[in-house]
C-alpha atoms as a PDB file:
ATOM      1  CA  MET A   1      88.286 155.011  93.239  1.00  0.00           C
ATOM      2  CA  THR A   2      86.023 157.502  93.674  1.00  0.00           C
ATOM      3  CA  GLY A   3      87.038 160.063  91.196  1.00  0.00           C
ATOM      4  CA  SER A   4      88.203 163.575  91.328  1.00  0.00           C
ATOM      5  CA  ARG A   5      86.640 166.041  93.578  1.00  0.00           C
ATOM      6  CA  ILE A   6      87.954 169.012  91.472  1.00  0.00           C
ATOM      7  CA  PRO A   7      84.716 169.370  89.152  1.00  0.00           C
ATOM      8  CA  GLY A   8      82.486 169.624  92.098  1.00  0.00           C
ATOM      9  CA  ALA A   9      84.450 172.254  93.857  1.00  0.00           C
ATOM     10  CA  PHE A  10      84.343 174.581  90.729  1.00  0.00           C
ATOM     11  CA  ALA A  11      80.752 173.928  90.265  1.00  0.00           C
ATOM     12  CA  GLN A  12      80.020 174.916  93.633  1.00  0.00           C
ATOM     13  CA  ALA A  13      82.039 178.150  93.461  1.00  0.00           C
ATOM     14  CA  LYS A  14      80.243 178.973  90.133  1.00  0.00           C
ATOM     15  CA  ALA A  15      76.908 178.261  91.721  1.00  0.00           C
ATOM     16  CA  GLU A  16      77.774 180.557  94.662  1.00  0.00           C
ATOM     17  CA  GLY A  17      78.838 183.492  91.906  1.00  0.00           C
ATOM     18  CA  ARG A  18      82.347 183.837  93.187  1.00  0.00           C
ATOM     19  CA  THR A  19      86.099 182.523  91.479  1.00  0.00           C
ATOM     20  CA  ALA A  20      87.456 179.712  93.421  1.00  0.00           C
ATOM     21  CA  ILE A  21      90.321 180.186  95.929  1.00  0.00           C
ATOM     22  CA  ILE A  22      93.552 177.718  95.417  1.00  0.00           C
ATOM     23  CA  PRO A  23      96.460 178.292  97.558  1.00  0.00           C
ATOM     24  CA  PHE A  24      99.704 176.786  97.065  1.00  0.00           C
ATOM     25  CA  LEU A  25     102.027 175.624  99.778  1.00  0.00           C
ATOM     26  CA  THR A  26     105.496 173.681  99.778  1.00  0.00           C
ATOM     27  CA  ALA A  27     104.637 170.616 101.654  1.00  0.00           C
ATOM     28  CA  GLY A  28     107.713 170.538 104.498  1.00  0.00           C
ATOM     29  CA  PHE A  29     108.050 174.326 104.804  1.00  0.00           C
ATOM     30  CA  PRO A  30     108.582 175.744 107.321  1.00  0.00           C
ATOM     31  CA  THR A  31     108.431 172.179 108.847  1.00  0.00           C
ATOM     32  CA  LEU A  32     106.309 169.032 107.765  1.00  0.00           C
ATOM     33  CA  ALA A  33     104.218 169.335 111.076  1.00  0.00           C
ATOM     34  CA  GLU A  34     103.940 172.999 110.520  1.00  0.00           C
ATOM     35  CA  SER A  35     102.796 172.761 106.822  1.00  0.00           C
ATOM     36  CA  GLU A  36     100.153 170.091 107.919  1.00  0.00           C
ATOM     37  CA  GLU A  37      98.839 172.646 110.181  1.00  0.00           C
ATOM     38  CA  ILE A  38      98.859 175.349 107.679  1.00  0.00           C
ATOM     39  CA  PHE A  39      96.816 173.276 105.286  1.00  0.00           C
ATOM     40  CA  LEU A  40      94.391 172.794 107.892  1.00  0.00           C
ATOM     41  CA  ALA A  41      94.349 176.374 108.627  1.00  0.00           C
ATOM     42  CA  MET A  42      93.524 177.309 105.093  1.00  0.00           C
ATOM     43  CA  VAL A  43      90.568 174.980 104.797  1.00  0.00           C
ATOM     44  CA  ARG A  44      89.261 176.830 107.919  1.00  0.00           C
ATOM     45  CA  GLY A  45      89.778 180.020 105.704  1.00  0.00           C
ATOM     46  CA  GLY A  46      87.320 179.000 103.027  1.00  0.00           C
ATOM     47  CA  VAL A  47      89.693 177.772 100.210  1.00  0.00           C
ATOM     48  CA  ASP A  48      88.145 175.546  97.604  1.00  0.00           C
ATOM     49  CA  ALA A  49      91.090 173.491  96.930  1.00  0.00           C
ATOM     50  CA  ILE A  50      94.867 173.268  97.525  1.00  0.00           C
ATOM     51  CA  GLU A  51      98.214 172.833  95.552  1.00  0.00           C
ATOM     52  CA  VAL A  52     100.497 170.838  97.675  1.00  0.00           C
ATOM     53  CA  GLY A  53     104.130 171.702  96.524  1.00  0.00           C
ATOM     54  CA  VAL A  54     106.632 168.567  96.267  1.00  0.00           C
ATOM     55  CA  PRO A  55     109.844 170.207  97.045  1.00  0.00           C
ATOM     56  CA  PHE A  56     112.411 169.752  94.118  1.00  0.00           C
ATOM     57  CA  SER A  57     115.980 170.956  93.865  1.00  0.00           C
ATOM     58  CA  ASP A  58     115.766 172.918  90.670  1.00  0.00           C
ATOM     59  CA  PRO A  59     112.416 174.109  90.290  1.00  0.00           C
ATOM     60  CA  LEU A  60     112.682 175.855  87.032  1.00  0.00           C
ATOM     61  CA  ALA A  61     109.163 177.552  87.059  1.00  0.00           C
ATOM     62  CA  ASP A  62     109.436 179.002  90.370  1.00  0.00           C
ATOM     63  CA  GLY A  63     110.573 182.632  91.587  1.00  0.00           C
ATOM     64  CA  ALA A  64     113.048 183.126  94.711  1.00  0.00           C
ATOM     65  CA  THR A  65     109.992 182.999  97.196  1.00  0.00           C
ATOM     66  CA  ILE A  66     109.120 179.161  96.271  1.00  0.00           C
ATOM     67  CA  GLN A  67     112.418 178.396  95.589  1.00  0.00           C
ATOM     68  CA  ARG A  68     113.245 179.347  99.040  1.00  0.00           C
ATOM     69  CA  SER A  69     110.610 177.158 100.727  1.00  0.00           C
ATOM     70  CA  SER A  70     111.668 174.289  98.410  1.00  0.00           C
ATOM     71  CA  GLU A  71     115.149 174.263  99.497  1.00  0.00           C
ATOM     72  CA  VAL A  72     113.938 174.555 103.495  1.00  0.00           C
ATOM     73  CA  ALA A  73     111.758 171.094 102.537  1.00  0.00           C
ATOM     74  CA  ILE A  74     114.399 169.528 101.016  1.00  0.00           C
ATOM     75  CA  ALA A  75     116.650 170.476 104.240  1.00  0.00           C
ATOM     76  CA  ASN A  76     114.097 169.085 106.204  1.00  0.00           C
ATOM     77  CA  GLY A  77     114.268 165.752 104.157  1.00  0.00           C
ATOM     78  CA  VAL A  78     110.857 165.989 102.749  1.00  0.00           C
ATOM     79  CA  SER A  79     110.324 163.744  99.440  1.00  0.00           C
ATOM     80  CA  LEU A  80     107.350 162.960  97.183  1.00  0.00           C
ATOM     81  CA  ASP A  81     106.491 160.044  99.689  1.00  0.00           C
ATOM     82  CA  ASP A  82     106.242 162.299 102.642  1.00  0.00           C
ATOM     83  CA  CYS A  83     103.939 164.447 100.455  1.00  0.00           C
ATOM     84  CA  ILE A  84     101.627 161.623  99.556  1.00  0.00           C
ATOM     85  CA  SER A  85     101.554 160.653 102.934  1.00  0.00           C
ATOM     86  CA  LEU A  86     100.558 164.131 104.116  1.00  0.00           C
ATOM     87  CA  VAL A  87      97.568 164.332 101.736  1.00  0.00           C
ATOM     88  CA  ARG A  88      96.797 160.966 103.542  1.00  0.00           C
ATOM     89  CA  ARG A  89      96.637 162.463 107.051  1.00  0.00           C
ATOM     90  CA  LEU A  90      94.661 165.239 105.962  1.00  0.00           C
ATOM     91  CA  ARG A  91      91.980 162.875 104.802  1.00  0.00           C
ATOM     92  CA  GLU A  92      92.116 160.119 107.032  1.00  0.00           C
ATOM     93  CA  THR A  93      93.269 161.826 110.248  1.00  0.00           C
ATOM     94  CA  HIS A  94      91.794 165.566 109.717  1.00  0.00           C
ATOM     95  CA  GLY A  95      88.668 164.747 107.320  1.00  0.00           C
ATOM     96  CA  VAL A  96      89.596 167.288 104.787  1.00  0.00           C
ATOM     97  CA  THR A  97      87.345 166.891 101.955  1.00  0.00           C
ATOM     98  CA  ILE A  98      88.240 169.579  99.416  1.00  0.00           C
ATOM     99  CA  PRO A  99      90.349 168.757  96.382  1.00  0.00           C
ATOM    100  CA  LEU A 100      93.882 168.133  97.009  1.00  0.00           C
ATOM    101  CA  ILE A 101      96.331 168.438  94.161  1.00  0.00           C
ATOM    102  CA  LEU A 102     100.025 167.563  94.077  1.00  0.00           C
ATOM    103  CA  MET A 103     102.254 169.963  92.210  1.00  0.00           C
ATOM    104  CA  GLY A 104     105.814 169.027  91.675  1.00  0.00           C
ATOM    105  CA  TYR A 105     108.500 168.377  88.924  1.00  0.00           C
ATOM    106  CA  TYR A 106     108.531 165.109  86.665  1.00  0.00           C
ATOM    107  CA  ASN A 107     112.119 163.750  88.008  1.00  0.00           C
ATOM    108  CA  PRO A 108     110.854 162.544  91.589  1.00  0.00           C
ATOM    109  CA  ILE A 109     107.850 161.125  89.775  1.00  0.00           C
ATOM    110  CA  PHE A 110     109.686 159.344  86.995  1.00  0.00           C
ATOM    111  CA  HIS A 111     111.903 157.911  89.840  1.00  0.00           C
ATOM    112  CA  TYR A 112     109.005 156.633  91.817  1.00  0.00           C
ATOM    113  CA  GLY A 113     107.504 155.088  88.632  1.00  0.00           C
ATOM    114  CA  CYS A 114     104.474 156.771  87.100  1.00  0.00           C
ATOM    115  CA  GLU A 115     101.858 153.766  87.484  1.00  0.00           C
ATOM    116  CA  GLN A 116     103.083 153.423  91.354  1.00  0.00           C
ATOM    117  CA  PHE A 117     102.752 157.193  91.677  1.00  0.00           C
ATOM    118  CA  ALA A 118      99.342 157.357  90.336  1.00  0.00           C
ATOM    119  CA  HIS A 119      98.399 154.351  92.541  1.00  0.00           C
ATOM    120  CA  ASP A 120      99.651 155.402  95.716  1.00  0.00           C
ATOM    121  CA  ALA A 121      98.500 159.166  95.221  1.00  0.00           C
ATOM    122  CA  ALA A 122      95.141 158.168  94.336  1.00  0.00           C
ATOM    123  CA  ALA A 123      94.882 155.911  97.539  1.00  0.00           C
ATOM    124  CA  ALA A 124      96.138 158.645  99.641  1.00  0.00           C
ATOM    125  CA  GLY A 125      93.108 160.925  97.990  1.00  0.00           C
ATOM    126  CA  VAL A 126      95.172 163.120  95.643  1.00  0.00           C
ATOM    127  CA  ASP A 127      92.584 164.438  92.931  1.00  0.00           C
ATOM    128  CA  GLY A 128      95.009 166.037  90.696  1.00  0.00           C
ATOM    129  CA  VAL A 129      98.739 166.460  89.662  1.00  0.00           C
ATOM    130  CA  ILE A 130     100.365 169.315  88.178  1.00  0.00           C
ATOM    131  CA  VAL A 131     104.017 168.891  86.570  1.00  0.00           C
ATOM    132  CA  PRO A 132     105.367 172.269  85.307  1.00  0.00           C
ATOM    133  CA  ASP A 133     108.287 170.695  83.403  1.00  0.00           C
ATOM    134  CA  LEU A 134     106.543 167.753  81.596  1.00  0.00           C
ATOM    135  CA  PRO A 135     105.337 168.899  78.203  1.00  0.00           C
ATOM    136  CA  THR A 136     102.278 167.713  76.692  1.00  0.00           C
ATOM    137  CA  GLU A 137     104.043 165.665  74.150  1.00  0.00           C
ATOM    138  CA  GLU A 138     106.217 163.690  76.913  1.00  0.00           C
ATOM    139  CA  SER A 139     103.198 163.189  79.078  1.00  0.00           C
ATOM    140  CA  ASP A 140     101.540 159.837  77.715  1.00  0.00           C
ATOM    141  CA  ASP A 141     102.883 157.422  80.582  1.00  0.00           C
ATOM    142  CA  LEU A 142     101.977 159.901  83.441  1.00  0.00           C
ATOM    143  CA  LEU A 143      98.733 160.872  81.639  1.00  0.00           C
ATOM    144  CA  ALA A 144      97.514 157.127  81.098  1.00  0.00           C
ATOM    145  CA  ALA A 145      98.632 156.246  84.848  1.00  0.00           C
ATOM    146  CA  CYS A 146      96.565 159.150  86.326  1.00  0.00           C
ATOM    147  CA  ARG A 147      93.595 158.596  84.011  1.00  0.00           C
ATOM    148  CA  ALA A 148      93.568 155.043  85.113  1.00  0.00           C
ATOM    149  CA  HIS A 149      93.165 155.917  88.698  1.00  0.00           C
ATOM    150  CA  GLY A 150      90.996 158.956  88.521  1.00  0.00           C
ATOM    151  CA  ILE A 151      93.487 161.681  88.922  1.00  0.00           C
ATOM    152  CA  ASP A 152      93.143 164.977  86.911  1.00  0.00           C
ATOM    153  CA  PHE A 153      95.995 166.060  85.021  1.00  0.00           C
ATOM    154  CA  ILE A 154      96.320 169.782  84.986  1.00  0.00           C
ATOM    155  CA  PHE A 155      98.584 171.336  82.503  1.00  0.00           C
ATOM    156  CA  LEU A 156      99.945 174.867  82.460  1.00  0.00           C
ATOM    157  CA  LEU A 157      99.199 177.726  79.702  1.00  0.00           C
ATOM    158  CA  ALA A 158     100.890 181.079  79.310  1.00  0.00           C
ATOM    159  CA  PRO A 159      99.878 184.191  77.449  1.00  0.00           C
ATOM    160  CA  THR A 160     102.825 182.929  74.709  1.00  0.00           C
ATOM    161  CA  SER A 161     101.165 179.520  74.218  1.00  0.00           C
ATOM    162  CA  THR A 162     100.424 178.842  70.544  1.00  0.00           C
ATOM    163  CA  ASP A 163      97.129 177.950  69.232  1.00  0.00           C
ATOM    164  CA  GLN A 164      98.504 174.316  68.871  1.00  0.00           C
ATOM    165  CA  ARG A 165      99.833 174.109  72.142  1.00  0.00           C
ATOM    166  CA  ILE A 166      96.581 175.063  73.521  1.00  0.00           C
ATOM    167  CA  SER A 167      94.786 172.601  71.538  1.00  0.00           C
ATOM    168  CA  ASP A 168      97.239 169.835  72.729  1.00  0.00           C
ATOM    169  CA  VAL A 169      96.426 170.828  76.442  1.00  0.00           C
ATOM    170  CA  ALA A 170      92.758 171.200  75.762  1.00  0.00           C
ATOM    171  CA  GLU A 171      92.863 167.546  74.488  1.00  0.00           C
ATOM    172  CA  ARG A 172      94.701 166.087  77.354  1.00  0.00           C
ATOM    173  CA  ALA A 173      93.696 168.249  80.428  1.00  0.00           C
ATOM    174  CA  SER A 174      91.274 167.308  83.153  1.00  0.00           C
ATOM    175  CA  GLY A 175      90.055 169.064  86.396  1.00  0.00           C
ATOM    176  CA  TYR A 176      91.193 172.468  85.259  1.00  0.00           C
ATOM    177  CA  ILE A 177      93.930 174.366  83.068  1.00  0.00           C
ATOM    178  CA  TYR A 178      96.517 176.294  85.081  1.00  0.00           C
ATOM    179  CA  CYS A 179      96.555 179.723  83.018  1.00  0.00           C
ATOM    180  CA  VAL A 180      99.875 181.418  84.076  1.00  0.00           C
ATOM    181  CA  SER A 181      98.957 185.159  84.093  1.00  0.00           C
ATOM    182  CA  LEU A 182     102.526 186.569  82.688  1.00  0.00           C
ATOM    183  CA  THR A 183     105.667 185.358  81.279  1.00  0.00           C
ATOM    184  CA  GLY A 184     108.402 184.693  83.847  1.00  0.00           C
ATOM    185  CA  VAL A 185     108.636 183.006  86.988  1.00  0.00           C
ATOM    186  CA  THR A 186     106.153 182.736  90.203  1.00  0.00           C
ATOM    187  CA  GLY A 187     106.367 185.700  92.438  1.00  0.00           C
ATOM    188  CA  GLY A 188     104.137 188.473  93.846  1.00  0.00           C
ATOM    189  CA  ARG A 189     103.365 191.273  91.473  1.00  0.00           C
ATOM    190  CA  SER A 190     101.532 194.565  92.140  1.00  0.00           C
ATOM    191  CA  SER A 191      99.398 194.535  89.188  1.00  0.00           C
ATOM    192  CA  LEU A 192      98.159 191.967  86.735  1.00  0.00           C
ATOM    193  CA  PRO A 193      98.021 192.348  83.119  1.00  0.00           C
ATOM    194  CA  ASP A 194      94.816 192.352  80.990  1.00  0.00           C
ATOM    195  CA  LEU A 195      93.866 188.807  80.812  1.00  0.00           C
ATOM    196  CA  GLY A 196      90.929 188.920  78.832  1.00  0.00           C
ATOM    197  CA  PRO A 197      92.021 188.085  75.314  1.00  0.00           C
ATOM    198  CA  TYR A 198      94.417 185.572  76.543  1.00  0.00           C
ATOM    199  CA  LEU A 199      91.741 183.542  78.152  1.00  0.00           C
ATOM    200  CA  ALA A 200      89.361 183.967  75.621  1.00  0.00           C
ATOM    201  CA  ARG A 201      91.838 182.046  73.174  1.00  0.00           C
ATOM    202  CA  VAL A 202      91.794 179.189  75.611  1.00  0.00           C
ATOM    203  CA  ARG A 203      88.113 179.070  76.267  1.00  0.00           C
ATOM    204  CA  GLU A 204      87.808 178.622  72.230  1.00  0.00           C
ATOM    205  CA  LYS A 205      89.380 175.440  72.685  1.00  0.00           C
ATOM    206  CA  SER A 206      88.201 174.036  76.157  1.00  0.00           C
ATOM    207  CA  THR A 207      85.208 173.861  78.195  1.00  0.00           C
ATOM    208  CA  LEU A 208      87.326 173.200  81.530  1.00  0.00           C
ATOM    209  CA  PRO A 209      87.414 175.531  84.339  1.00  0.00           C
ATOM    210  CA  LEU A 210      90.462 178.162  84.032  1.00  0.00           C
ATOM    211  CA  ALA A 211      92.391 178.986  87.169  1.00  0.00           C
ATOM    212  CA  ILE A 212      95.093 181.797  86.997  1.00  0.00           C
ATOM    213  CA  GLY A 213      98.078 181.840  88.618  1.00  0.00           C
ATOM    214  CA  PHE A 214     101.563 183.713  88.989  1.00  0.00           C
ATOM    215  CA  GLY A 215     101.736 186.934  90.717  1.00  0.00           C
ATOM    216  CA  ILE A 216      98.074 186.813  92.587  1.00  0.00           C
ATOM    217  CA  SER A 217      98.596 188.491  96.157  1.00  0.00           C
ATOM    218  CA  THR A 218      95.846 190.798  97.022  1.00  0.00           C
ATOM    219  CA  PRO A 219      91.965 191.145  97.302  1.00  0.00           C
ATOM    220  CA  ASP A 220      92.310 193.485  94.090  1.00  0.00           C
ATOM    221  CA  HIS A 221      93.875 190.718  92.067  1.00  0.00           C
ATOM    222  CA  ILE A 222      91.074 188.144  93.250  1.00  0.00           C
ATOM    223  CA  ARG A 223      88.474 190.471  92.057  1.00  0.00           C
ATOM    224  CA  GLN A 224      90.212 191.086  88.910  1.00  0.00           C
ATOM    225  CA  VAL A 225      90.651 186.915  88.410  1.00  0.00           C
ATOM    226  CA  ALA A 226      86.849 186.794  89.009  1.00  0.00           C
ATOM    227  CA  ALA A 227      85.957 188.921  86.172  1.00  0.00           C
ATOM    228  CA  VAL A 228      87.759 186.576  83.657  1.00  0.00           C
ATOM    229  CA  GLY A 229      88.570 183.472  85.211  1.00  0.00           C
ATOM    230  CA  ASP A 230      86.974 180.531  87.503  1.00  0.00           C
ATOM    231  CA  GLY A 231      90.173 180.125  90.110  1.00  0.00           C
ATOM    232  CA  ALA A 232      92.748 182.092  91.631  1.00  0.00           C
ATOM    233  CA  ILE A 233      95.915 180.303  92.590  1.00  0.00           C
ATOM    234  CA  ILE A 234      97.881 182.070  95.084  1.00  0.00           C
ATOM    235  CA  GLY A 235     101.704 180.744  96.129  1.00  0.00           C
ATOM    236  CA  SER A 236     104.520 183.243  96.573  1.00  0.00           C
ATOM    237  CA  ALA A 237     102.035 185.842  98.593  1.00  0.00           C
ATOM    238  CA  LEU A 238     100.975 183.037 101.035  1.00  0.00           C
ATOM    239  CA  ILE A 239     104.568 181.920 101.521  1.00  0.00           C
ATOM    240  CA  ASN A 240     105.506 185.401 102.204  1.00  0.00           C
ATOM    241  CA  VAL A 241     102.929 185.625 104.918  1.00  0.00           C
ATOM    242  CA  VAL A 242     103.915 182.415 106.511  1.00  0.00           C
ATOM    243  CA  GLU A 243     107.639 183.389 106.544  1.00  0.00           C
ATOM    244  CA  GLN A 244     106.879 186.873 108.062  1.00  0.00           C
ATOM    245  CA  ALA A 245     104.813 185.474 110.879  1.00  0.00           C
ATOM    246  CA  PRO A 246     106.079 184.743 114.188  1.00  0.00           C
ATOM    247  CA  GLU A 247     107.030 181.044 115.249  1.00  0.00           C
ATOM    248  CA  GLY A 248     103.690 179.589 116.614  1.00  0.00           C
ATOM    249  CA  GLY A 249     101.512 182.324 114.731  1.00  0.00           C
ATOM    250  CA  ARG A 250     102.235 180.932 111.272  1.00  0.00           C
ATOM    251  CA  ALA A 251      99.016 178.824 110.567  1.00  0.00           C
ATOM    252  CA  ALA A 252      96.827 181.427 112.118  1.00  0.00           C
ATOM    253  CA  ALA A 253      98.489 184.526 109.979  1.00  0.00           C
ATOM    254  CA  ALA A 254      97.618 181.989 106.668  1.00  0.00           C
ATOM    255  CA  GLU A 255      94.012 181.577 107.942  1.00  0.00           C
ATOM    256  CA  SER A 256      93.581 185.162 108.307  1.00  0.00           C
ATOM    257  CA  PHE A 257      95.349 185.940 104.895  1.00  0.00           C
ATOM    258  CA  ILE A 258      93.367 183.325 102.927  1.00  0.00           C
ATOM    259  CA  ARG A 259      90.073 184.436 104.572  1.00  0.00           C
ATOM    260  CA  GLY A 260      90.695 187.852 103.254  1.00  0.00           C
ATOM    261  CA  LEU A 261      91.013 186.744  99.716  1.00  0.00           C
ATOM    262  CA  ALA A 262      88.133 184.298 100.112  1.00  0.00           C
ATOM    263  CA  ASP A 263      85.760 187.355 101.082  1.00  0.00           C
ATOM    264  CA  ALA A 264      86.890 189.231  98.144  1.00  0.00           C
ATOM    265  CA  ALA A 265      86.011 186.424  95.924  1.00  0.00           C
ATOM    266  CA  LYS A 266      82.496 186.724  97.278  1.00  0.00           C
ATOM    267  CA  SER A 267      82.182 190.497  96.681  1.00  0.00           C
END
């Protein structure tokens, strides 16, 4: 057990004076093999970490774009086990060294078994997990299993989170805190709200890096996030790029899109 690569990735980005770029893509979208190629293309594009989406039939926090990608992956027969195997291939076959985070809902993990999941995920090279529908007060079993296997447990906060909720997350989280930029579901937005006061509330309670997600889709958004946060999470906008690219050109389109955002993080 080597421990999570996440703290080192944020430390490197900070040392280079930029915000970390963290894309999200559903494993198995458009196909399992293509998603593997797209993950590799994003590594070439200069990302700092990747959130690997585990497809689920009822993704409550996700907007239409990510829901659609999940439906495609489920139709392709992609399971939690396939996602863990994908991470293993990225590590062992392709030599990927950046942090890889599994993001998915609790039901498949519960059926897999928390201890078995954490064991298998860690053995495959998973650094962190995000479970949007698992509240802090119900996270003890999975949290303990993740801690035992050196996996960071990343919780979500929203602008509407109470001080108590922020304290609960600060007590349990490791790796980074996923700060939802706005109320509602995922999806590209034309503009982001003023995130300063919200992130200041979180920083009062935690010294962990704060990564901002939901609605981030342009280089301007990256620069806005860089002024207040430690990382920018890009999901729906990336999936839109992949969807709109011609067959055979999806990995290249994703790499180009991500490279543009990574360049903005340096400016």
